Structure formats: structure tokens, C-alpha cells
Amino acid sequence: MRVIRLLIALICLAAGAILGALNRQLVSIDLGIGFIPATSLGIALIVALLIGALIGGLAISASVVLPLRRRLARAERAERSAAAAQPTLTGPEV
């Protein structure tokens, strides 16, 4: 599994290097609220990709992971309270 992860990381690194090398044109980016001066198109594309992945991960985390964690915590609390309410059975005392 580690070899596969390493290969995927190397492929992504090579793709980023190729993207940066093939897109050397200078671009200026106007964000509406701000302005980024001239940078290479390859760097702008890679940064945009990384920011998009980060925002997507945060959106998934907020919409899926956090509700599941809340549901799990509620279920664990209910289980603990049910276990505390049950009387414990002991054997006959001699």
C-alpha cells in the first residue's frame, strides 16, 4: 500500500512540474476584492487546484463527518446511560 501511495505522490508531483513548465505565461489575477500581480500561469493553476481541494475537503467535513461524529457521541452517551441504569447481576452470596 505504501508503494502505491508513493507512486501516486510521484505522479502528482510530475504532473505539477509538467503543468508549471508548460504554462510559463505571466498572468495577473483580479479577484474582485483584491488583485494578485503577475505570476506564472502554472503556479496560478496549481494554487487554484490546491485551494479547491481544501475547500472541498472542508465542505465534506462539515456536511458529512461532523454530523456522523455528533450521532456517534449521542449513541455512546445513550449506551453509557443504559448500561448505568441496568442492575448488575451477581452470583449467590455464601
N, C-alpha and C. Protein backbone atom coordinates (compact mmCIF):
# COMPACT_ATOMS: atom_id res chain seq x y z
N MET A 1 0.82 -1.19 0.00
CA MET A 1 0.00 0.00 0.00
C MET A 1 0.87 1.26 0.00
N ARG A 2 1.99 1.20 0.70
CA ARG A 2 2.89 2.35 0.73
C ARG A 2 3.48 2.64 -0.65
N VAL A 3 3.75 1.58 -1.39
CA VAL A 3 4.32 1.75 -2.73
C VAL A 3 3.31 2.46 -3.63
N ILE A 4 2.05 2.08 -3.51
CA ILE A 4 1.01 2.72 -4.33
C ILE A 4 0.89 4.19 -3.97
N ARG A 5 0.90 4.51 -2.69
CA ARG A 5 0.83 5.92 -2.27
C ARG A 5 2.04 6.70 -2.78
N LEU A 6 3.20 6.10 -2.72
CA LEU A 6 4.41 6.75 -3.20
C LEU A 6 4.32 7.00 -4.70
N LEU A 7 3.83 6.02 -5.44
CA LEU A 7 3.68 6.18 -6.89
C LEU A 7 2.67 7.29 -7.23
N ILE A 8 1.56 7.33 -6.51
CA ILE A 8 0.57 8.38 -6.75
C ILE A 8 1.16 9.75 -6.43
N ALA A 9 1.91 9.86 -5.34
CA ALA A 9 2.53 11.13 -4.98
C ALA A 9 3.54 11.56 -6.05
N LEU A 10 4.33 10.63 -6.55
CA LEU A 10 5.30 10.96 -7.59
C LEU A 10 4.62 11.36 -8.90
N ILE A 11 3.52 10.71 -9.23
CA ILE A 11 2.78 11.06 -10.45
C ILE A 11 2.20 12.47 -10.31
N CYS A 12 1.64 12.78 -9.15
CA CYS A 12 1.10 14.13 -8.93
C CYS A 12 2.19 15.18 -8.96
N LEU A 13 3.35 14.86 -8.40
CA LEU A 13 4.47 15.80 -8.43
C LEU A 13 4.96 16.03 -9.85
N ALA A 14 5.05 14.96 -10.62
CA ALA A 14 5.46 15.09 -12.02
C ALA A 14 4.44 15.88 -12.83
N ALA A 15 3.15 15.63 -12.59
CA ALA A 15 2.10 16.37 -13.30
C ALA A 15 2.17 17.85 -12.96
N GLY A 16 2.42 18.18 -11.69
CA GLY A 16 2.56 19.58 -11.29
C GLY A 16 3.76 20.25 -11.94
N ALA A 17 4.87 19.52 -12.02
CA ALA A 17 6.07 20.07 -12.65
C ALA A 17 5.85 20.29 -14.14
N ILE A 18 5.19 19.34 -14.79
CA ILE A 18 4.90 19.49 -16.22
C ILE A 18 3.94 20.66 -16.44
N LEU A 19 2.93 20.76 -15.60
CA LEU A 19 1.97 21.86 -15.72
C LEU A 19 2.66 23.21 -15.56
N GLY A 20 3.56 23.31 -14.60
CA GLY A 20 4.29 24.55 -14.39
C GLY A 20 5.24 24.87 -15.53
N ALA A 21 5.86 23.83 -16.08
CA ALA A 21 6.83 24.05 -17.16
C ALA A 21 6.15 24.43 -18.48
N LEU A 22 4.98 23.89 -18.74
CA LEU A 22 4.30 24.16 -20.00
C LEU A 22 3.51 25.47 -19.99
N ASN A 23 3.26 26.03 -18.83
CA ASN A 23 2.46 27.25 -18.71
C ASN A 23 3.28 28.35 -18.05
N ARG A 24 4.21 28.90 -18.79
CA ARG A 24 5.10 29.93 -18.25
C ARG A 24 4.61 31.35 -18.50
N GLN A 25 3.47 31.51 -19.15
CA GLN A 25 2.97 32.85 -19.42
C GLN A 25 2.68 33.57 -18.11
N LEU A 26 2.89 34.88 -18.11
CA LEU A 26 2.59 35.68 -16.93
C LEU A 26 1.13 36.11 -16.98
N VAL A 27 0.45 35.96 -15.85
CA VAL A 27 -0.94 36.37 -15.75
C VAL A 27 -1.12 37.21 -14.50
N SER A 28 -2.06 38.12 -14.54
CA SER A 28 -2.47 38.89 -13.37
C SER A 28 -3.88 38.45 -13.03
N ILE A 29 -4.13 38.22 -11.76
CA ILE A 29 -5.42 37.69 -11.35
C ILE A 29 -6.17 38.77 -10.57
N ASP A 30 -7.39 39.08 -11.04
CA ASP A 30 -8.25 40.05 -10.36
C ASP A 30 -9.34 39.26 -9.64
N LEU A 31 -9.35 39.34 -8.31
CA LEU A 31 -10.29 38.57 -7.50
C LEU A 31 -11.56 39.34 -7.18
N GLY A 32 -11.68 40.56 -7.64
CA GLY A 32 -12.84 41.37 -7.33
C GLY A 32 -12.61 42.19 -6.08
N ILE A 33 -12.14 41.55 -5.01
CA ILE A 33 -11.84 42.27 -3.77
C ILE A 33 -10.35 42.54 -3.64
N GLY A 34 -9.57 41.92 -4.47
CA GLY A 34 -8.12 42.09 -4.43
C GLY A 34 -7.52 41.80 -5.78
N PHE A 35 -6.22 41.98 -5.86
CA PHE A 35 -5.52 41.81 -7.12
C PHE A 35 -4.20 41.11 -6.85
N ILE A 36 -3.91 40.06 -7.60
CA ILE A 36 -2.64 39.36 -7.48
C ILE A 36 -1.80 39.76 -8.69
N PRO A 37 -0.63 40.34 -8.45
CA PRO A 37 0.20 40.79 -9.59
C PRO A 37 0.70 39.60 -10.42
N ALA A 38 1.46 39.89 -11.44
CA ALA A 38 1.89 38.90 -12.42
C ALA A 38 2.57 37.70 -11.76
N THR A 39 2.07 36.54 -12.08
CA THR A 39 2.64 35.27 -11.66
C THR A 39 2.52 34.33 -12.85
N SER A 40 3.23 33.22 -12.82
CA SER A 40 3.14 32.31 -13.97
C SER A 40 1.81 31.56 -13.93
N LEU A 41 1.32 31.22 -15.08
CA LEU A 41 0.03 30.55 -15.21
C LEU A 41 0.05 29.18 -14.53
N GLY A 42 1.17 28.47 -14.63
CA GLY A 42 1.27 27.16 -14.00
C GLY A 42 1.11 27.23 -12.49
N ILE A 43 1.76 28.21 -11.87
CA ILE A 43 1.65 28.37 -10.42
C ILE A 43 0.22 28.74 -10.05
N ALA A 44 -0.38 29.64 -10.83
CA ALA A 44 -1.76 30.05 -10.55
C ALA A 44 -2.71 28.85 -10.65
N LEU A 45 -2.51 27.99 -11.63
CA LEU A 45 -3.37 26.81 -11.78
C LEU A 45 -3.19 25.83 -10.63
N ILE A 46 -1.95 25.58 -10.22
CA ILE A 46 -1.69 24.65 -9.12
C ILE A 46 -2.26 25.19 -7.81
N VAL A 47 -2.08 26.49 -7.55
CA VAL A 47 -2.62 27.08 -6.33
C VAL A 47 -4.14 27.02 -6.34
N ALA A 48 -4.76 27.29 -7.48
CA ALA A 48 -6.22 27.21 -7.58
C ALA A 48 -6.70 25.79 -7.33
N LEU A 49 -5.99 24.80 -7.85
CA LEU A 49 -6.34 23.40 -7.62
C LEU A 49 -6.24 23.04 -6.15
N LEU A 50 -5.17 23.45 -5.50
CA LEU A 50 -4.99 23.15 -4.08
C LEU A 50 -6.05 23.84 -3.22
N ILE A 51 -6.36 25.10 -3.52
CA ILE A 51 -7.39 25.80 -2.77
C ILE A 51 -8.75 25.13 -2.97
N GLY A 52 -9.05 24.71 -4.18
CA GLY A 52 -10.30 24.00 -4.45
C GLY A 52 -10.39 22.68 -3.70
N ALA A 53 -9.29 21.94 -3.64
CA ALA A 53 -9.29 20.68 -2.90
C ALA A 53 -9.48 20.93 -1.41
N LEU A 54 -8.86 21.97 -0.90
CA LEU A 54 -9.01 22.32 0.52
C LEU A 54 -10.44 22.71 0.85
N ILE A 55 -11.04 23.56 0.03
CA ILE A 55 -12.42 23.98 0.26
C ILE A 55 -13.37 22.79 0.13
N GLY A 56 -13.13 21.92 -0.84
CA GLY A 56 -13.95 20.72 -0.98
C GLY A 56 -13.84 19.80 0.22
N GLY A 57 -12.63 19.62 0.73
CA GLY A 57 -12.44 18.80 1.92
C GLY A 57 -13.14 19.37 3.14
N LEU A 58 -13.07 20.69 3.29
CA LEU A 58 -13.77 21.33 4.41
C LEU A 58 -15.28 21.19 4.27
N ALA A 59 -15.79 21.30 3.05
CA ALA A 59 -17.23 21.15 2.82
C ALA A 59 -17.68 19.73 3.14
N ILE A 60 -16.92 18.74 2.72
CA ILE A 60 -17.26 17.35 3.03
C ILE A 60 -17.21 17.11 4.53
N SER A 61 -16.18 17.67 5.17
CA SER A 61 -16.05 17.51 6.61
C SER A 61 -17.23 18.12 7.34
N ALA A 62 -17.65 19.30 6.92
CA ALA A 62 -18.76 19.98 7.59
C ALA A 62 -20.09 19.30 7.32
N SER A 63 -20.27 18.73 6.14
CA SER A 63 -21.58 18.17 5.80
C SER A 63 -21.73 16.68 6.10
N VAL A 64 -20.62 15.95 6.22
CA VAL A 64 -20.71 14.51 6.44
C VAL A 64 -20.06 14.09 7.75
N VAL A 65 -18.81 14.46 7.94
CA VAL A 65 -18.04 13.95 9.07
C VAL A 65 -18.57 14.48 10.40
N LEU A 66 -18.80 15.77 10.50
CA LEU A 66 -19.25 16.34 11.77
C LEU A 66 -20.62 15.81 12.21
N PRO A 67 -21.62 15.71 11.33
CA PRO A 67 -22.88 15.09 11.77
C PRO A 67 -22.72 13.63 12.20
N LEU A 68 -21.86 12.89 11.53
CA LEU A 68 -21.65 11.49 11.94
C LEU A 68 -20.98 11.41 13.31
N ARG A 69 -20.03 12.32 13.57
CA ARG A 69 -19.40 12.33 14.89
C ARG A 69 -20.41 12.68 15.98
N ARG A 70 -21.30 13.64 15.69
CA ARG A 70 -22.32 14.00 16.66
C ARG A 70 -23.25 12.82 16.92
N ARG A 71 -23.64 12.11 15.87
CA ARG A 71 -24.52 10.95 16.03
C ARG A 71 -23.83 9.85 16.84
N LEU A 72 -22.54 9.63 16.59
CA LEU A 72 -21.79 8.64 17.33
C LEU A 72 -21.69 9.01 18.81
N ALA A 73 -21.43 10.29 19.11
CA ALA A 73 -21.34 10.73 20.50
C ALA A 73 -22.68 10.53 21.20
N ARG A 74 -23.79 10.86 20.52
CA ARG A 74 -25.12 10.66 21.10
C ARG A 74 -25.37 9.18 21.38
N ALA A 75 -25.00 8.31 20.46
CA ALA A 75 -25.21 6.87 20.64
C ALA A 75 -24.36 6.34 21.79
N GLU A 76 -23.12 6.82 21.90
CA GLU A 76 -22.27 6.37 23.01
C GLU A 76 -22.82 6.84 24.35
N ARG A 77 -23.33 8.08 24.41
CA ARG A 77 -23.94 8.58 25.65
C ARG A 77 -25.16 7.75 26.02
N ALA A 78 -25.99 7.42 25.04
CA ALA A 78 -27.18 6.62 25.30
C ALA A 78 -26.79 5.23 25.79
N GLU A 79 -25.75 4.68 25.22
CA GLU A 79 -25.29 3.35 25.64
C GLU A 79 -24.76 3.39 27.07
N ARG A 80 -23.99 4.44 27.40
CA ARG A 80 -23.47 4.54 28.77
C ARG A 80 -24.60 4.71 29.78
N SER A 81 -25.60 5.53 29.46
CA SER A 81 -26.70 5.73 30.40
C SER A 81 -27.55 4.47 30.54
N ALA A 82 -27.71 3.71 29.46
CA ALA A 82 -28.45 2.45 29.53
C ALA A 82 -27.69 1.43 30.35
N ALA A 83 -26.37 1.41 30.21
CA ALA A 83 -25.57 0.46 30.98
C ALA A 83 -25.56 0.84 32.46
N ALA A 84 -25.58 2.12 32.77
CA ALA A 84 -25.59 2.56 34.16
C ALA A 84 -26.94 2.29 34.81
N ALA A 85 -28.02 2.32 34.06
CA ALA A 85 -29.36 2.11 34.60
C ALA A 85 -29.65 0.63 34.83
N GLN A 86 -28.97 -0.26 34.16
CA GLN A 86 -29.20 -1.70 34.31
C GLN A 86 -28.59 -2.19 35.62
N PRO A 87 -29.34 -2.95 36.37
CA PRO A 87 -28.75 -3.50 37.60
C PRO A 87 -27.76 -4.61 37.24
N THR A 88 -26.72 -4.69 38.02
CA THR A 88 -25.73 -5.74 37.76
C THR A 88 -26.14 -7.00 38.47
N LEU A 89 -25.98 -8.10 37.81
CA LEU A 89 -26.33 -9.39 38.38
C LEU A 89 -25.11 -9.99 39.06
N THR A 90 -25.31 -10.44 40.28
CA THR A 90 -24.22 -11.10 41.00
C THR A 90 -24.66 -12.50 41.36
N GLY A 91 -23.68 -13.30 41.62
CA GLY A 91 -23.97 -14.69 41.99
C GLY A 91 -24.47 -14.78 43.43
N PRO A 92 -24.87 -15.97 43.84
CA PRO A 92 -25.36 -16.15 45.23
C PRO A 92 -24.23 -15.92 46.22
N GLU A 93 -24.59 -15.27 47.29
CA GLU A 93 -23.61 -15.00 48.33
C GLU A 93 -23.55 -16.15 49.29
N VAL A 94 -22.38 -16.51 49.68
CA VAL A 94 -22.22 -17.65 50.59
C VAL A 94 -21.85 -17.16 51.95
